[in-house]
PDB file of all heavy atoms in Angstrom:
ATOM      1  N   GLY A   1      11.247  -7.321 -16.770  1.00  0.00           N
ATOM      2  CA  GLY A   1      10.849  -5.992 -16.334  1.00  0.00           C
ATOM      3  C   GLY A   1       9.502  -6.026 -15.654  1.00  0.00           C
ATOM      4  O   GLY A   1       9.120  -7.020 -15.058  1.00  0.00           O
ATOM      5  N   PHE A   2       8.775  -4.912 -15.757  1.00  0.00           N
ATOM      6  CA  PHE A   2       7.447  -4.882 -15.156  1.00  0.00           C
ATOM      7  C   PHE A   2       6.493  -4.046 -16.003  1.00  0.00           C
ATOM      8  O   PHE A   2       6.919  -3.238 -16.829  1.00  0.00           O
ATOM      9  CB  PHE A   2       7.476  -4.371 -13.709  1.00  0.00           C
ATOM     10  CG  PHE A   2       7.867  -2.931 -13.531  1.00  0.00           C
ATOM     11  CD1 PHE A   2       6.947  -1.903 -13.726  1.00  0.00           C
ATOM     12  CD2 PHE A   2       9.150  -2.593 -13.129  1.00  0.00           C
ATOM     13  CE1 PHE A   2       7.305  -0.580 -13.543  1.00  0.00           C
ATOM     14  CE2 PHE A   2       9.513  -1.272 -12.943  1.00  0.00           C
ATOM     15  CZ  PHE A   2       8.591  -0.257 -13.144  1.00  0.00           C
ATOM     16  N   ALA A   3       5.221  -4.290 -15.777  1.00  0.00           N
ATOM     17  CA  ALA A   3       4.172  -3.514 -16.426  1.00  0.00           C
ATOM     18  C   ALA A   3       3.185  -3.066 -15.359  1.00  0.00           C
ATOM     19  O   ALA A   3       2.886  -3.803 -14.422  1.00  0.00           O
ATOM     20  CB  ALA A   3       3.460  -4.338 -17.491  1.00  0.00           C
ATOM     21  N   LEU A   4       2.716  -1.878 -15.523  1.00  0.00           N
ATOM     22  CA  LEU A   4       1.751  -1.287 -14.612  1.00  0.00           C
ATOM     23  C   LEU A   4       0.592  -0.793 -15.472  1.00  0.00           C
ATOM     24  O   LEU A   4       0.786   0.028 -16.365  1.00  0.00           O
ATOM     25  CB  LEU A   4       2.425  -0.125 -13.881  1.00  0.00           C
ATOM     26  CG  LEU A   4       1.784   0.503 -12.692  1.00  0.00           C
ATOM     27  CD1 LEU A   4       1.477  -0.520 -11.609  1.00  0.00           C
ATOM     28  CD2 LEU A   4       2.696   1.582 -12.128  1.00  0.00           C
ATOM     29  N   VAL A   5      -0.590  -1.334 -15.224  1.00  0.00           N
ATOM     30  CA  VAL A   5      -1.761  -0.962 -16.008  1.00  0.00           C
ATOM     31  C   VAL A   5      -2.799  -0.357 -15.074  1.00  0.00           C
ATOM     32  O   VAL A   5      -3.168  -0.975 -14.071  1.00  0.00           O
ATOM     33  CB  VAL A   5      -2.377  -2.186 -16.733  1.00  0.00           C
ATOM     34  CG1 VAL A   5      -3.592  -1.761 -17.558  1.00  0.00           C
ATOM     35  CG2 VAL A   5      -1.347  -2.882 -17.602  1.00  0.00           C
ATOM     36  N   ARG A   6      -3.225   0.849 -15.408  1.00  0.00           N
ATOM     37  CA  ARG A   6      -4.311   1.505 -14.681  1.00  0.00           C
ATOM     38  C   ARG A   6      -5.555   1.382 -15.545  1.00  0.00           C
ATOM     39  O   ARG A   6      -5.559   1.791 -16.693  1.00  0.00           O
ATOM     40  CB  ARG A   6      -4.014   2.984 -14.458  1.00  0.00           C
ATOM     41  CG  ARG A   6      -2.884   3.246 -13.529  1.00  0.00           C
ATOM     42  CD  ARG A   6      -2.602   4.728 -13.408  1.00  0.00           C
ATOM     43  NE  ARG A   6      -3.712   5.420 -12.777  1.00  0.00           N
ATOM     44  CZ  ARG A   6      -4.035   6.693 -13.044  1.00  0.00           C
ATOM     45  NH1 ARG A   6      -3.378   7.389 -13.921  1.00  0.00           N
ATOM     46  NH2 ARG A   6      -5.039   7.267 -12.420  1.00  0.00           N
ATOM     47  N   ILE A   7      -6.610   0.838 -14.973  1.00  0.00           N
ATOM     48  CA  ILE A   7      -7.882   0.712 -15.673  1.00  0.00           C
ATOM     49  C   ILE A   7      -8.839   1.691 -15.001  1.00  0.00           C
ATOM     50  O   ILE A   7      -9.142   1.552 -13.822  1.00  0.00           O
ATOM     51  CB  ILE A   7      -8.433  -0.727 -15.597  1.00  0.00           C
ATOM     52  CG1 ILE A   7      -7.401  -1.709 -16.156  1.00  0.00           C
ATOM     53  CG2 ILE A   7      -9.761  -0.832 -16.328  1.00  0.00           C
ATOM     54  CD1 ILE A   7      -7.701  -3.163 -15.882  1.00  0.00           C
ATOM     55  N   LEU A   8      -9.262   2.686 -15.759  1.00  0.00           N
ATOM     56  CA  LEU A   8     -10.144   3.720 -15.229  1.00  0.00           C
ATOM     57  C   LEU A   8     -11.536   3.533 -15.804  1.00  0.00           C
ATOM     58  O   LEU A   8     -11.688   3.185 -16.978  1.00  0.00           O
ATOM     59  CB  LEU A   8      -9.591   5.104 -15.592  1.00  0.00           C
ATOM     60  CG  LEU A   8      -8.163   5.355 -15.144  1.00  0.00           C
ATOM     61  CD1 LEU A   8      -7.605   6.601 -15.795  1.00  0.00           C
ATOM     62  CD2 LEU A   8      -8.080   5.471 -13.644  1.00  0.00           C
ATOM     63  N   GLY A   9     -12.532   3.764 -14.980  1.00  0.00           N
ATOM     64  CA  GLY A   9     -13.892   3.572 -15.454  1.00  0.00           C
ATOM     65  C   GLY A   9     -14.903   4.287 -14.593  1.00  0.00           C
ATOM     66  O   GLY A   9     -14.560   5.065 -13.699  1.00  0.00           O
ATOM     67  N   ASP A  10     -16.158   4.017 -14.882  1.00  0.00           N
ATOM     68  CA  ASP A  10     -17.274   4.602 -14.150  1.00  0.00           C
ATOM     69  C   ASP A  10     -18.083   3.491 -13.506  1.00  0.00           C
ATOM     70  O   ASP A  10     -18.554   2.582 -14.193  1.00  0.00           O
ATOM     71  CB  ASP A  10     -18.180   5.395 -15.105  1.00  0.00           C
ATOM     72  CG  ASP A  10     -17.463   6.567 -15.736  1.00  0.00           C
ATOM     73  OD1 ASP A  10     -16.789   7.314 -15.006  1.00  0.00           O
ATOM     74  OD2 ASP A  10     -17.566   6.726 -16.966  1.00  0.00           O
ATOM     75  N   ASN A  11     -18.204   3.560 -12.184  1.00  0.00           N
ATOM     76  CA  ASN A  11     -19.040   2.615 -11.452  1.00  0.00           C
ATOM     77  C   ASN A  11     -18.669   1.160 -11.754  1.00  0.00           C
ATOM     78  O   ASN A  11     -19.535   0.333 -12.028  1.00  0.00           O
ATOM     79  CB  ASN A  11     -20.517   2.890 -11.757  1.00  0.00           C
ATOM     80  CG  ASN A  11     -21.436   2.286 -10.730  1.00  0.00           C
ATOM     81  OD1 ASN A  11     -21.038   2.035  -9.597  1.00  0.00           O
ATOM     82  ND2 ASN A  11     -22.661   2.026 -11.118  1.00  0.00           N
ATOM     83  N   MET A  12     -17.367   0.868 -11.734  1.00  0.00           N
ATOM     84  CA  MET A  12     -16.910  -0.502 -11.997  1.00  0.00           C
ATOM     85  C   MET A  12     -17.225  -1.377 -10.784  1.00  0.00           C
ATOM     86  O   MET A  12     -16.949  -0.988  -9.658  1.00  0.00           O
ATOM     87  CB  MET A  12     -15.408  -0.509 -12.288  1.00  0.00           C
ATOM     88  CG  MET A  12     -15.026   0.238 -13.542  1.00  0.00           C
ATOM     89  SD  MET A  12     -13.268   0.119 -13.957  1.00  0.00           S
ATOM     90  CE  MET A  12     -12.480   1.007 -12.616  1.00  0.00           C
ATOM     91  N   LYS A  13     -17.773  -2.531 -11.016  1.00  0.00           N
ATOM     92  CA  LYS A  13     -18.123  -3.476  -9.958  1.00  0.00           C
ATOM     93  C   LYS A  13     -17.015  -4.517  -9.824  1.00  0.00           C
ATOM     94  O   LYS A  13     -16.638  -5.142 -10.816  1.00  0.00           O
ATOM     95  CB  LYS A  13     -19.443  -4.187 -10.275  1.00  0.00           C
ATOM     96  CG  LYS A  13     -20.604  -3.250 -10.535  1.00  0.00           C
ATOM     97  CD  LYS A  13     -21.069  -2.630  -9.260  1.00  0.00           C
ATOM     98  CE  LYS A  13     -22.294  -1.771  -9.507  1.00  0.00           C
ATOM     99  NZ  LYS A  13     -22.373  -0.657  -8.620  1.00  0.00           N
ATOM    100  N   PRO A  14     -16.485  -4.719  -8.610  1.00  0.00           N
ATOM    101  CA  PRO A  14     -15.365  -5.649  -8.431  1.00  0.00           C
ATOM    102  C   PRO A  14     -15.601  -7.039  -9.001  1.00  0.00           C
ATOM    103  O   PRO A  14     -14.759  -7.580  -9.712  1.00  0.00           O
ATOM    104  CB  PRO A  14     -15.177  -5.700  -6.910  1.00  0.00           C
ATOM    105  CG  PRO A  14     -15.744  -4.425  -6.409  1.00  0.00           C
ATOM    106  CD  PRO A  14     -16.868  -4.073  -7.348  1.00  0.00           C
ATOM    107  N   GLU A  15     -16.763  -7.633  -8.703  1.00  0.00           N
ATOM    108  CA  GLU A  15     -17.010  -9.006  -9.169  1.00  0.00           C
ATOM    109  C   GLU A  15     -17.097  -9.085 -10.692  1.00  0.00           C
ATOM    110  O   GLU A  15     -16.670 -10.062 -11.302  1.00  0.00           O
ATOM    111  CB  GLU A  15     -18.273  -9.590  -8.515  1.00  0.00           C
ATOM    112  CG  GLU A  15     -19.586  -8.954  -8.938  1.00  0.00           C
ATOM    113  CD  GLU A  15     -19.936  -7.630  -8.259  1.00  0.00           C
ATOM    114  OE1 GLU A  15     -19.184  -7.165  -7.378  1.00  0.00           O
ATOM    115  OE2 GLU A  15     -20.975  -7.047  -8.620  1.00  0.00           O
ATOM    116  N   LYS A  16     -17.605  -8.042 -11.326  1.00  0.00           N
ATOM    117  CA  LYS A  16     -17.726  -8.050 -12.787  1.00  0.00           C
ATOM    118  C   LYS A  16     -16.381  -7.781 -13.455  1.00  0.00           C
ATOM    119  O   LYS A  16     -16.076  -8.358 -14.503  1.00  0.00           O
ATOM    120  CB  LYS A  16     -18.793  -7.053 -13.223  1.00  0.00           C
ATOM    121  CG  LYS A  16     -20.167  -7.542 -12.776  1.00  0.00           C
ATOM    122  CD  LYS A  16     -21.271  -6.608 -13.125  1.00  0.00           C
ATOM    123  CE  LYS A  16     -22.571  -7.252 -12.620  1.00  0.00           C
ATOM    124  NZ  LYS A  16     -23.662  -6.357 -12.609  1.00  0.00           N
ATOM    125  N   ILE A  17     -15.577  -6.924 -12.845  1.00  0.00           N
ATOM    126  CA  ILE A  17     -14.228  -6.687 -13.373  1.00  0.00           C
ATOM    127  C   ILE A  17     -13.405  -7.964 -13.256  1.00  0.00           C
ATOM    128  O   ILE A  17     -12.662  -8.321 -14.176  1.00  0.00           O
ATOM    129  CB  ILE A  17     -13.539  -5.509 -12.642  1.00  0.00           C
ATOM    130  CG1 ILE A  17     -14.237  -4.187 -12.995  1.00  0.00           C
ATOM    131  CG2 ILE A  17     -12.057  -5.453 -12.952  1.00  0.00           C
ATOM    132  CD1 ILE A  17     -14.114  -3.754 -14.441  1.00  0.00           C
ATOM    133  N   MET A  18     -13.542  -8.693 -12.141  1.00  0.00           N
ATOM    134  CA  MET A  18     -12.816  -9.958 -11.987  1.00  0.00           C
ATOM    135  C   MET A  18     -13.266 -10.953 -13.055  1.00  0.00           C
ATOM    136  O   MET A  18     -12.453 -11.697 -13.593  1.00  0.00           O
ATOM    137  CB  MET A  18     -13.033 -10.539 -10.583  1.00  0.00           C
ATOM    138  CG  MET A  18     -12.327  -9.761  -9.487  1.00  0.00           C
ATOM    139  SD  MET A  18     -10.567  -9.521  -9.791  1.00  0.00           S
ATOM    140  CE  MET A  18      -9.996 -11.197  -9.787  1.00  0.00           C
ATOM    141  N   LYS A  19     -14.543 -10.964 -13.374  1.00  0.00           N
ATOM    142  CA  LYS A  19     -15.052 -11.850 -14.431  1.00  0.00           C
ATOM    143  C   LYS A  19     -14.443 -11.457 -15.780  1.00  0.00           C
ATOM    144  O   LYS A  19     -14.014 -12.316 -16.546  1.00  0.00           O
ATOM    145  CB  LYS A  19     -16.583 -11.763 -14.475  1.00  0.00           C
ATOM    146  CG  LYS A  19     -17.222 -12.553 -15.588  1.00  0.00           C
ATOM    147  CD  LYS A  19     -17.118 -14.041 -15.340  1.00  0.00           C
ATOM    148  CE  LYS A  19     -17.904 -14.790 -16.403  1.00  0.00           C
ATOM    149  NZ  LYS A  19     -17.360 -16.085 -16.681  1.00  0.00           N
ATOM    150  N   LEU A  20     -14.366 -10.150 -16.048  1.00  0.00           N
ATOM    151  CA  LEU A  20     -13.767  -9.680 -17.295  1.00  0.00           C
ATOM    152  C   LEU A  20     -12.280 -10.048 -17.353  1.00  0.00           C
ATOM    153  O   LEU A  20     -11.790 -10.526 -18.368  1.00  0.00           O
ATOM    154  CB  LEU A  20     -13.942  -8.166 -17.447  1.00  0.00           C
ATOM    155  CG  LEU A  20     -13.389  -7.541 -18.720  1.00  0.00           C
ATOM    156  CD1 LEU A  20     -14.075  -8.113 -19.959  1.00  0.00           C
ATOM    157  CD2 LEU A  20     -13.546  -6.028 -18.680  1.00  0.00           C
ATOM    158  N   ILE A  21     -11.562  -9.864 -16.244  1.00  0.00           N
ATOM    159  CA  ILE A  21     -10.140 -10.230 -16.196  1.00  0.00           C
ATOM    160  C   ILE A  21      -9.986 -11.732 -16.418  1.00  0.00           C
ATOM    161  O   ILE A  21      -9.112 -12.177 -17.147  1.00  0.00           O
ATOM    162  CB  ILE A  21      -9.494  -9.781 -14.861  1.00  0.00           C
ATOM    163  CG1 ILE A  21      -9.394  -8.255 -14.829  1.00  0.00           C
ATOM    164  CG2 ILE A  21      -8.123 -10.414 -14.671  1.00  0.00           C
ATOM    165  CD1 ILE A  21      -8.984  -7.676 -13.492  1.00  0.00           C
ATOM    166  N   GLY A  22     -10.863 -12.517 -15.809  1.00  0.00           N
ATOM    167  CA  GLY A  22     -10.822 -13.968 -15.991  1.00  0.00           C
ATOM    168  C   GLY A  22     -11.169 -14.396 -17.402  1.00  0.00           C
ATOM    169  O   GLY A  22     -10.734 -15.440 -17.880  1.00  0.00           O
ATOM    170  N   ASP A  23     -11.956 -13.571 -18.101  1.00  0.00           N
ATOM    171  CA  ASP A  23     -12.388 -13.891 -19.460  1.00  0.00           C
ATOM    172  C   ASP A  23     -11.589 -13.124 -20.509  1.00  0.00           C
ATOM    173  O   ASP A  23     -12.105 -12.793 -21.573  1.00  0.00           O
ATOM    174  CB  ASP A  23     -13.874 -13.547 -19.647  1.00  0.00           C
ATOM    175  CG  ASP A  23     -14.783 -14.460 -18.841  1.00  0.00           C
ATOM    176  OD1 ASP A  23     -14.282 -15.475 -18.324  1.00  0.00           O
ATOM    177  OD2 ASP A  23     -15.976 -14.158 -18.735  1.00  0.00           O
ATOM    178  N   VAL A  24     -10.337 -12.853 -20.227  1.00  0.00           N
ATOM    179  CA  VAL A  24      -9.509 -12.083 -21.158  1.00  0.00           C
ATOM    180  C   VAL A  24      -9.522 -12.704 -22.554  1.00  0.00           C
ATOM    181  O   VAL A  24      -9.453 -12.010 -23.553  1.00  0.00           O
ATOM    182  CB  VAL A  24      -8.059 -11.939 -20.624  1.00  0.00           C
ATOM    183  CG1 VAL A  24      -7.124 -11.409 -21.680  1.00  0.00           C
ATOM    184  CG2 VAL A  24      -8.054 -11.033 -19.419  1.00  0.00           C
ATOM    185  N   GLN A  25      -9.669 -14.003 -22.644  1.00  0.00           N
ATOM    186  CA  GLN A  25      -9.712 -14.652 -23.953  1.00  0.00           C
ATOM    187  C   GLN A  25     -10.934 -14.214 -24.757  1.00  0.00           C
ATOM    188  O   GLN A  25     -10.985 -14.417 -25.966  1.00  0.00           O
ATOM    189  CB  GLN A  25      -9.671 -16.184 -23.839  1.00  0.00           C
ATOM    190  CG  GLN A  25     -10.886 -16.801 -23.195  1.00  0.00           C
ATOM    191  CD  GLN A  25     -10.805 -16.890 -21.686  1.00  0.00           C
ATOM    192  OE1 GLN A  25      -9.910 -16.314 -21.073  1.00  0.00           O
ATOM    193  NE2 GLN A  25     -11.723 -17.600 -21.074  1.00  0.00           N
ATOM    194  N   ASP A  26     -11.914 -13.579 -24.101  1.00  0.00           N
ATOM    195  CA  ASP A  26     -13.101 -13.109 -24.817  1.00  0.00           C
ATOM    196  C   ASP A  26     -12.873 -11.790 -25.542  1.00  0.00           C
ATOM    197  O   ASP A  26     -13.750 -11.296 -26.233  1.00  0.00           O
ATOM    198  CB  ASP A  26     -14.290 -12.963 -23.856  1.00  0.00           C
ATOM    199  CG  ASP A  26     -14.805 -14.319 -23.405  1.00  0.00           C
ATOM    200  OD1 ASP A  26     -14.644 -15.303 -24.160  1.00  0.00           O
ATOM    201  OD2 ASP A  26     -15.361 -14.398 -22.307  1.00  0.00           O
ATOM    202  N   ILE A  27     -11.698 -11.205 -25.386  1.00  0.00           N
ATOM    203  CA  ILE A  27     -11.374 -10.005 -26.148  1.00  0.00           C
ATOM    204  C   ILE A  27     -11.115 -10.430 -27.583  1.00  0.00           C
ATOM    205  O   ILE A  27     -10.436 -11.425 -27.841  1.00  0.00           O
ATOM    206  CB  ILE A  27     -10.150  -9.289 -25.544  1.00  0.00           C
ATOM    207  CG1 ILE A  27     -10.534  -8.704 -24.186  1.00  0.00           C
ATOM    208  CG2 ILE A  27      -9.639  -8.202 -26.473  1.00  0.00           C
ATOM    209  CD1 ILE A  27      -9.402  -8.084 -23.424  1.00  0.00           C
ATOM    210  N   ASP A  28     -11.629  -9.690 -28.489  1.00  0.00           N
ATOM    211  CA  ASP A  28     -11.501 -10.020 -29.906  1.00  0.00           C
ATOM    212  C   ASP A  28     -10.102  -9.657 -30.382  1.00  0.00           C
ATOM    213  O   ASP A  28      -9.834  -8.523 -30.774  1.00  0.00           O
ATOM    214  CB  ASP A  28     -12.566  -9.271 -30.714  1.00  0.00           C
ATOM    215  CG  ASP A  28     -12.556  -9.672 -32.183  1.00  0.00           C
ATOM    216  OD1 ASP A  28     -11.760 -10.551 -32.559  1.00  0.00           O
ATOM    217  OD2 ASP A  28     -13.359  -9.104 -32.944  1.00  0.00           O
ATOM    218  N   GLY A  29      -9.202 -10.620 -30.325  1.00  0.00           N
ATOM    219  CA  GLY A  29      -7.816 -10.413 -30.750  1.00  0.00           C
ATOM    220  C   GLY A  29      -7.674 -10.244 -32.244  1.00  0.00           C
ATOM    221  O   GLY A  29      -6.628  -9.851 -32.735  1.00  0.00           O
ATOM    222  N   GLY A  30      -8.723 -10.507 -32.986  1.00  0.00           N
ATOM    223  CA  GLY A  30      -8.678 -10.382 -34.430  1.00  0.00           C
ATOM    224  C   GLY A  30      -8.963  -8.975 -34.928  1.00  0.00           C
ATOM    225  O   GLY A  30      -8.766  -8.688 -36.100  1.00  0.00           O
ATOM    226  N   SER A  31      -9.408  -8.082 -34.036  1.00  0.00           N
ATOM    227  CA  SER A  31      -9.716  -6.734 -34.503  1.00  0.00           C
ATOM    228  C   SER A  31      -8.426  -6.038 -34.942  1.00  0.00           C
ATOM    229  O   SER A  31      -7.363  -6.242 -34.371  1.00  0.00           O
ATOM    230  CB  SER A  31     -10.432  -5.923 -33.423  1.00  0.00           C
ATOM    231  OG  SER A  31      -9.531  -5.413 -32.493  1.00  0.00           O
ATOM    232  N   SER A  32      -8.532  -5.216 -35.960  1.00  0.00           N
ATOM    233  CA  SER A  32      -7.338  -4.570 -36.521  1.00  0.00           C
ATOM    234  C   SER A  32      -6.674  -3.653 -35.508  1.00  0.00           C
ATOM    235  O   SER A  32      -5.449  -3.563 -35.452  1.00  0.00           O
ATOM    236  CB  SER A  32      -7.694  -3.799 -37.785  1.00  0.00           C
ATOM    237  OG  SER A  32      -8.604  -2.764 -37.479  1.00  0.00           O
ATOM    238  N   MET A  33      -7.471  -2.964 -34.663  1.00  0.00           N
ATOM    239  CA  MET A  33      -6.887  -2.065 -33.671  1.00  0.00           C
ATOM    240  C   MET A  33      -6.076  -2.854 -32.644  1.00  0.00           C
ATOM    241  O   MET A  33      -5.001  -2.439 -32.252  1.00  0.00           O
ATOM    242  CB  MET A  33      -7.980  -1.250 -32.974  1.00  0.00           C
ATOM    243  CG  MET A  33      -8.669  -0.252 -33.884  1.00  0.00           C
ATOM    244  SD  MET A  33      -7.538   0.989 -34.509  1.00  0.00           S
ATOM    245  CE  MET A  33      -7.482   2.090 -33.128  1.00  0.00           C
ATOM    246  N   VAL A  34      -6.596  -3.993 -32.200  1.00  0.00           N
ATOM    247  CA  VAL A  34      -5.868  -4.813 -31.225  1.00  0.00           C
ATOM    248  C   VAL A  34      -4.584  -5.348 -31.853  1.00  0.00           C
ATOM    249  O   VAL A  34      -3.524  -5.334 -31.225  1.00  0.00           O
ATOM    250  CB  VAL A  34      -6.761  -5.956 -30.681  1.00  0.00           C
ATOM    251  CG1 VAL A  34      -5.948  -6.927 -29.849  1.00  0.00           C
ATOM    252  CG2 VAL A  34      -7.918  -5.402 -29.863  1.00  0.00           C
ATOM    253  N   LYS A  35      -4.643  -5.797 -33.098  1.00  0.00           N
ATOM    254  CA  LYS A  35      -3.436  -6.292 -33.776  1.00  0.00           C
ATOM    255  C   LYS A  35      -2.394  -5.194 -33.918  1.00  0.00           C
ATOM    256  O   LYS A  35      -1.200  -5.428 -33.712  1.00  0.00           O
ATOM    257  CB  LYS A  35      -3.794  -6.859 -35.154  1.00  0.00           C
ATOM    258  CG  LYS A  35      -4.472  -8.208 -35.086  1.00  0.00           C
ATOM    259  CD  LYS A  35      -4.747  -8.746 -36.473  1.00  0.00           C
ATOM    260  CE  LYS A  35      -5.391 -10.113 -36.382  1.00  0.00           C
ATOM    261  NZ  LYS A  35      -5.691 -10.669 -37.684  1.00  0.00           N
ATOM    262  N   GLN A  36      -2.817  -3.976 -34.262  1.00  0.00           N
ATOM    263  CA  GLN A  36      -1.881  -2.862 -34.378  1.00  0.00           C
ATOM    264  C   GLN A  36      -1.239  -2.561 -33.030  1.00  0.00           C
ATOM    265  O   GLN A  36      -0.034  -2.337 -32.937  1.00  0.00           O
ATOM    266  CB  GLN A  36      -2.587  -1.615 -34.902  1.00  0.00           C
ATOM    267  CG  GLN A  36      -2.954  -1.683 -36.354  1.00  0.00           C
ATOM    268  CD  GLN A  36      -3.754  -0.468 -36.786  1.00  0.00           C
ATOM    269  OE1 GLN A  36      -4.116   0.378 -35.990  1.00  0.00           O
ATOM    270  NE2 GLN A  36      -4.019  -0.391 -38.084  1.00  0.00           N
ATOM    271  N   LEU A  37      -2.041  -2.563 -31.965  1.00  0.00           N
ATOM    272  CA  LEU A  37      -1.529  -2.302 -30.633  1.00  0.00           C
ATOM    273  C   LEU A  37      -0.538  -3.381 -30.209  1.00  0.00           C
ATOM    274  O   LEU A  37       0.535  -3.076 -29.687  1.00  0.00           O
ATOM    275  CB  LEU A  37      -2.688  -2.219 -29.632  1.00  0.00           C
ATOM    276  CG  LEU A  37      -2.329  -1.891 -28.196  1.00  0.00           C
ATOM    277  CD1 LEU A  37      -1.642  -0.534 -28.117  1.00  0.00           C
ATOM    278  CD2 LEU A  37      -3.552  -1.915 -27.318  1.00  0.00           C
ATOM    279  N   GLN A  38      -0.867  -4.653 -30.466  1.00  0.00           N
ATOM    280  CA  GLN A  38       0.056  -5.741 -30.121  1.00  0.00           C
ATOM    281  C   GLN A  38       1.371  -5.594 -30.887  1.00  0.00           C
ATOM    282  O   GLN A  38       2.445  -5.777 -30.317  1.00  0.00           O
ATOM    283  CB  GLN A  38      -0.586  -7.097 -30.437  1.00  0.00           C
ATOM    284  CG  GLN A  38      -1.681  -7.486 -29.490  1.00  0.00           C
ATOM    285  CD  GLN A  38      -2.427  -8.736 -29.950  1.00  0.00           C
ATOM    286  OE1 GLN A  38      -2.437  -9.082 -31.130  1.00  0.00           O
ATOM    287  NE2 GLN A  38      -3.067  -9.401 -29.004  1.00  0.00           N
ATOM    288  N   GLY A  39       1.299  -5.269 -32.159  1.00  0.00           N
ATOM    289  CA  GLY A  39       2.505  -5.078 -32.963  1.00  0.00           C
ATOM    290  C   GLY A  39       3.356  -3.936 -32.450  1.00  0.00           C
ATOM    291  O   GLY A  39       4.573  -4.030 -32.367  1.00  0.00           O
ATOM    292  N   PHE A  40       2.699  -2.842 -32.063  1.00  0.00           N
ATOM    293  CA  PHE A  40       3.419  -1.691 -31.543  1.00  0.00           C
ATOM    294  C   PHE A  40       4.135  -2.040 -30.232  1.00  0.00           C
ATOM    295  O   PHE A  40       5.312  -1.728 -30.058  1.00  0.00           O
ATOM    296  CB  PHE A  40       2.453  -0.526 -31.326  1.00  0.00           C
ATOM    297  CG  PHE A  40       3.100   0.675 -30.693  1.00  0.00           C
ATOM    298  CD1 PHE A  40       3.948   1.479 -31.422  1.00  0.00           C
ATOM    299  CD2 PHE A  40       2.864   0.970 -29.352  1.00  0.00           C
ATOM    300  CE1 PHE A  40       4.540   2.587 -30.835  1.00  0.00           C
ATOM    301  CE2 PHE A  40       3.457   2.073 -28.766  1.00  0.00           C
ATOM    302  CZ  PHE A  40       4.304   2.888 -29.514  1.00  0.00           C
TER     303      PHE A  40
END
């Protein structure tokens, strides 16, 4: 299938957003909210 994600923000800088996308592993996957969202 497909997924469509809209990321909304204030004054987002392209180069910094690309760095964040590239550093997705830096998201704390251990947080309870992230685990609940992944399970859902």
